[in-house]
């Protein structure tokens, strides 16, 4: 697991007191994003608006609901 992701998940658990369910979903969402960045050869810390928009478009292509996409956005903002 990505070291920064692990630290973020610990932060959500300890500091934010998020439920295990929420933390697990955030982990899945952020891992999907990390995999997308690796596939597209994008630095996950220097991503542009256009690249994020493309990623979100891909989520809609997979028929994710707007609620699920919103959770992805929330997870990525926090990360």
N, C-alpha and C. Protein backbone atom coordinates (compact mmCIF):
# COMPACT_ATOMS: atom_id res chain seq x y z
N UNK A 1 0.84 -1.19 0.00
CA UNK A 1 0.00 0.00 0.00
C UNK A 1 0.88 1.24 0.00
N UNK A 2 0.42 2.23 -0.67
CA UNK A 2 1.09 3.53 -0.73
C UNK A 2 1.25 4.09 0.69
N UNK A 3 2.46 4.52 1.01
CA UNK A 3 2.75 5.01 2.37
C UNK A 3 1.91 6.25 2.72
N UNK A 4 1.75 7.15 1.78
CA UNK A 4 0.94 8.34 2.03
C UNK A 4 -0.53 7.99 2.23
N UNK A 5 -1.00 7.02 1.48
CA UNK A 5 -2.38 6.57 1.64
C UNK A 5 -2.57 5.96 3.03
N UNK A 6 -1.63 5.16 3.46
CA UNK A 6 -1.72 4.55 4.79
C UNK A 6 -1.80 5.62 5.88
N UNK A 7 -0.98 6.65 5.77
CA UNK A 7 -1.00 7.74 6.75
C UNK A 7 -2.34 8.46 6.73
N UNK A 8 -2.87 8.68 5.52
CA UNK A 8 -4.16 9.34 5.38
C UNK A 8 -5.27 8.52 6.03
N UNK A 9 -5.26 7.22 5.82
CA UNK A 9 -6.28 6.36 6.41
C UNK A 9 -6.18 6.33 7.93
N UNK A 10 -4.98 6.35 8.45
CA UNK A 10 -4.79 6.43 9.90
C UNK A 10 -5.34 7.75 10.44
N UNK A 11 -5.10 8.83 9.71
CA UNK A 11 -5.62 10.15 10.08
C UNK A 11 -7.15 10.11 10.14
N UNK A 12 -7.78 9.50 9.14
CA UNK A 12 -9.24 9.42 9.12
C UNK A 12 -9.77 8.63 10.32
N UNK A 13 -9.05 7.60 10.69
CA UNK A 13 -9.47 6.77 11.81
C UNK A 13 -9.27 7.46 13.15
N UNK A 14 -8.09 8.00 13.35
CA UNK A 14 -7.72 8.55 14.66
C UNK A 14 -8.25 9.97 14.86
N UNK A 15 -7.97 10.84 13.92
CA UNK A 15 -8.31 12.25 14.08
C UNK A 15 -9.77 12.56 13.72
N UNK A 16 -10.26 11.95 12.67
CA UNK A 16 -11.61 12.25 12.20
C UNK A 16 -12.66 11.28 12.72
N UNK A 17 -12.20 10.16 13.27
CA UNK A 17 -13.10 9.15 13.83
C UNK A 17 -14.13 8.65 12.81
N UNK A 18 -13.68 8.48 11.56
CA UNK A 18 -14.56 7.95 10.51
C UNK A 18 -14.82 6.47 10.77
N UNK A 19 -15.94 5.99 10.29
CA UNK A 19 -16.27 4.58 10.45
C UNK A 19 -15.34 3.72 9.60
N UNK A 20 -15.21 2.46 9.98
CA UNK A 20 -14.37 1.54 9.22
C UNK A 20 -14.89 1.39 7.80
N UNK A 21 -16.20 1.43 7.64
CA UNK A 21 -16.81 1.33 6.32
C UNK A 21 -16.38 2.51 5.43
N UNK A 22 -16.45 3.71 5.97
CA UNK A 22 -16.06 4.90 5.22
C UNK A 22 -14.58 4.85 4.87
N UNK A 23 -13.77 4.47 5.82
CA UNK A 23 -12.32 4.39 5.58
C UNK A 23 -12.02 3.37 4.50
N UNK A 24 -12.68 2.25 4.54
CA UNK A 24 -12.46 1.21 3.52
C UNK A 24 -12.87 1.71 2.14
N UNK A 25 -14.00 2.41 2.05
CA UNK A 25 -14.42 2.96 0.77
C UNK A 25 -13.46 4.02 0.26
N UNK A 26 -12.97 4.87 1.15
CA UNK A 26 -11.98 5.87 0.75
C UNK A 26 -10.71 5.19 0.25
N UNK A 27 -10.31 4.14 0.91
CA UNK A 27 -9.11 3.40 0.49
C UNK A 27 -9.31 2.85 -0.93
N UNK A 28 -10.45 2.26 -1.18
CA UNK A 28 -10.74 1.72 -2.51
C UNK A 28 -10.75 2.85 -3.55
N UNK A 29 -11.42 3.94 -3.22
CA UNK A 29 -11.52 5.07 -4.15
C UNK A 29 -10.15 5.65 -4.48
N UNK A 30 -9.33 5.85 -3.48
CA UNK A 30 -8.02 6.45 -3.70
C UNK A 30 -7.10 5.47 -4.43
N UNK A 31 -7.21 4.20 -4.13
CA UNK A 31 -6.41 3.21 -4.87
C UNK A 31 -6.78 3.20 -6.35
N UNK A 32 -8.05 3.35 -6.66
CA UNK A 32 -8.48 3.44 -8.07
C UNK A 32 -7.83 4.65 -8.73
N UNK A 33 -7.81 5.75 -8.01
CA UNK A 33 -7.20 6.96 -8.53
C UNK A 33 -5.69 6.77 -8.75
N UNK A 34 -5.03 6.15 -7.79
CA UNK A 34 -3.59 5.90 -7.90
C UNK A 34 -3.30 5.01 -9.11
N UNK A 35 -4.12 3.99 -9.31
CA UNK A 35 -3.94 3.10 -10.46
C UNK A 35 -4.15 3.87 -11.77
N UNK A 36 -5.14 4.75 -11.79
CA UNK A 36 -5.39 5.59 -12.96
C UNK A 36 -4.15 6.44 -13.27
N UNK A 37 -3.60 7.05 -12.24
CA UNK A 37 -2.40 7.88 -12.41
C UNK A 37 -1.23 7.06 -12.95
N UNK A 38 -1.06 5.86 -12.44
CA UNK A 38 0.02 5.00 -12.93
C UNK A 38 -0.19 4.62 -14.39
N UNK A 39 -1.43 4.29 -14.74
CA UNK A 39 -1.75 3.92 -16.13
C UNK A 39 -1.48 5.07 -17.09
N UNK A 40 -1.81 6.29 -16.65
CA UNK A 40 -1.67 7.47 -17.50
C UNK A 40 -0.33 8.18 -17.32
N UNK A 41 0.53 7.61 -16.47
CA UNK A 41 1.84 8.21 -16.19
C UNK A 41 1.70 9.65 -15.68
N UNK A 42 0.83 9.81 -14.69
CA UNK A 42 0.53 11.11 -14.08
C UNK A 42 1.08 11.11 -12.66
N UNK A 43 1.74 12.20 -12.28
CA UNK A 43 2.17 12.36 -10.89
C UNK A 43 0.94 12.70 -10.06
N UNK A 44 0.59 11.82 -9.13
CA UNK A 44 -0.64 12.00 -8.36
C UNK A 44 -0.64 13.27 -7.50
N UNK A 45 0.52 13.86 -7.29
CA UNK A 45 0.60 15.07 -6.49
C UNK A 45 0.65 16.34 -7.33
N UNK A 46 0.74 16.18 -8.64
CA UNK A 46 0.81 17.35 -9.54
C UNK A 46 -0.24 17.23 -10.64
N UNK A 47 -1.37 16.68 -10.29
CA UNK A 47 -2.42 16.44 -11.27
C UNK A 47 -3.12 17.76 -11.62
N UNK A 48 -3.51 17.88 -12.87
CA UNK A 48 -4.16 19.10 -13.34
C UNK A 48 -5.68 18.94 -13.30
N UNK A 49 -6.36 20.04 -13.45
CA UNK A 49 -7.82 20.05 -13.49
C UNK A 49 -8.32 19.17 -14.64
N UNK A 50 -7.68 19.29 -15.78
CA UNK A 50 -8.08 18.51 -16.96
C UNK A 50 -7.95 17.01 -16.69
N UNK A 51 -6.89 16.61 -16.01
CA UNK A 51 -6.68 15.19 -15.70
C UNK A 51 -7.72 14.67 -14.70
N UNK A 52 -8.05 15.50 -13.71
CA UNK A 52 -9.09 15.12 -12.75
C UNK A 52 -10.43 14.99 -13.46
N UNK A 53 -10.72 15.93 -14.33
CA UNK A 53 -11.98 15.89 -15.08
C UNK A 53 -12.06 14.62 -15.93
N UNK A 54 -10.95 14.24 -16.51
CA UNK A 54 -10.89 13.02 -17.31
C UNK A 54 -11.13 11.80 -16.43
N UNK A 55 -10.53 11.79 -15.25
CA UNK A 55 -10.72 10.68 -14.31
C UNK A 55 -12.19 10.57 -13.89
N UNK A 56 -12.79 11.68 -13.56
CA UNK A 56 -14.19 11.66 -13.14
C UNK A 56 -15.10 11.22 -14.29
N UNK A 57 -14.76 11.62 -15.50
CA UNK A 57 -15.50 11.17 -16.67
C UNK A 57 -15.44 9.65 -16.81
N UNK A 58 -14.28 9.11 -16.51
CA UNK A 58 -14.10 7.66 -16.56
C UNK A 58 -15.00 6.97 -15.53
N UNK A 59 -15.14 7.58 -14.37
CA UNK A 59 -16.02 7.01 -13.34
C UNK A 59 -17.47 6.98 -13.83
N UNK A 60 -17.89 8.06 -14.49
CA UNK A 60 -19.25 8.09 -15.04
C UNK A 60 -19.40 7.07 -16.17
N UNK A 61 -18.33 6.85 -16.93
CA UNK A 61 -18.36 5.83 -17.99
C UNK A 61 -18.60 4.44 -17.41
N UNK A 62 -18.12 4.21 -16.20
CA UNK A 62 -18.33 2.93 -15.52
C UNK A 62 -19.71 2.84 -14.88
N UNK A 63 -20.53 3.86 -15.13
CA UNK A 63 -21.92 3.91 -14.63
C UNK A 63 -22.02 4.06 -13.12
N UNK A 64 -21.01 4.70 -12.51
CA UNK A 64 -21.11 5.01 -11.09
C UNK A 64 -22.19 6.06 -10.89
N UNK A 65 -22.87 5.98 -9.78
CA UNK A 65 -23.90 6.97 -9.47
C UNK A 65 -23.22 8.29 -9.10
N UNK A 66 -23.99 9.36 -9.14
CA UNK A 66 -23.43 10.66 -8.77
C UNK A 66 -23.00 10.67 -7.30
N UNK A 67 -23.70 9.91 -6.47
CA UNK A 67 -23.33 9.82 -5.04
C UNK A 67 -21.96 9.16 -4.89
N UNK A 68 -21.71 8.11 -5.65
CA UNK A 68 -20.42 7.42 -5.59
C UNK A 68 -19.31 8.32 -6.11
N UNK A 69 -19.58 9.03 -7.19
CA UNK A 69 -18.57 9.95 -7.73
C UNK A 69 -18.28 11.06 -6.72
N UNK A 70 -19.32 11.53 -6.05
CA UNK A 70 -19.12 12.55 -5.01
C UNK A 70 -18.22 12.04 -3.89
N UNK A 71 -18.39 10.77 -3.52
CA UNK A 71 -17.53 10.18 -2.49
C UNK A 71 -16.09 10.13 -2.98
N UNK A 72 -15.89 9.77 -4.24
CA UNK A 72 -14.55 9.77 -4.82
C UNK A 72 -13.93 11.17 -4.71
N UNK A 73 -14.70 12.16 -5.07
CA UNK A 73 -14.22 13.54 -5.01
C UNK A 73 -13.83 13.91 -3.58
N UNK A 74 -14.68 13.56 -2.63
CA UNK A 74 -14.39 13.84 -1.23
C UNK A 74 -13.13 13.14 -0.76
N UNK A 75 -12.97 11.88 -1.14
CA UNK A 75 -11.78 11.12 -0.76
C UNK A 75 -10.52 11.76 -1.35
N UNK A 76 -10.61 12.15 -2.61
CA UNK A 76 -9.44 12.74 -3.25
C UNK A 76 -9.10 14.12 -2.71
N UNK A 77 -10.10 14.90 -2.39
CA UNK A 77 -9.84 16.22 -1.78
C UNK A 77 -9.10 16.07 -0.47
N UNK A 78 -9.57 15.14 0.35
CA UNK A 78 -8.92 14.92 1.64
C UNK A 78 -7.50 14.41 1.49
N UNK A 79 -7.32 13.52 0.53
CA UNK A 79 -6.01 12.93 0.31
C UNK A 79 -5.02 13.97 -0.20
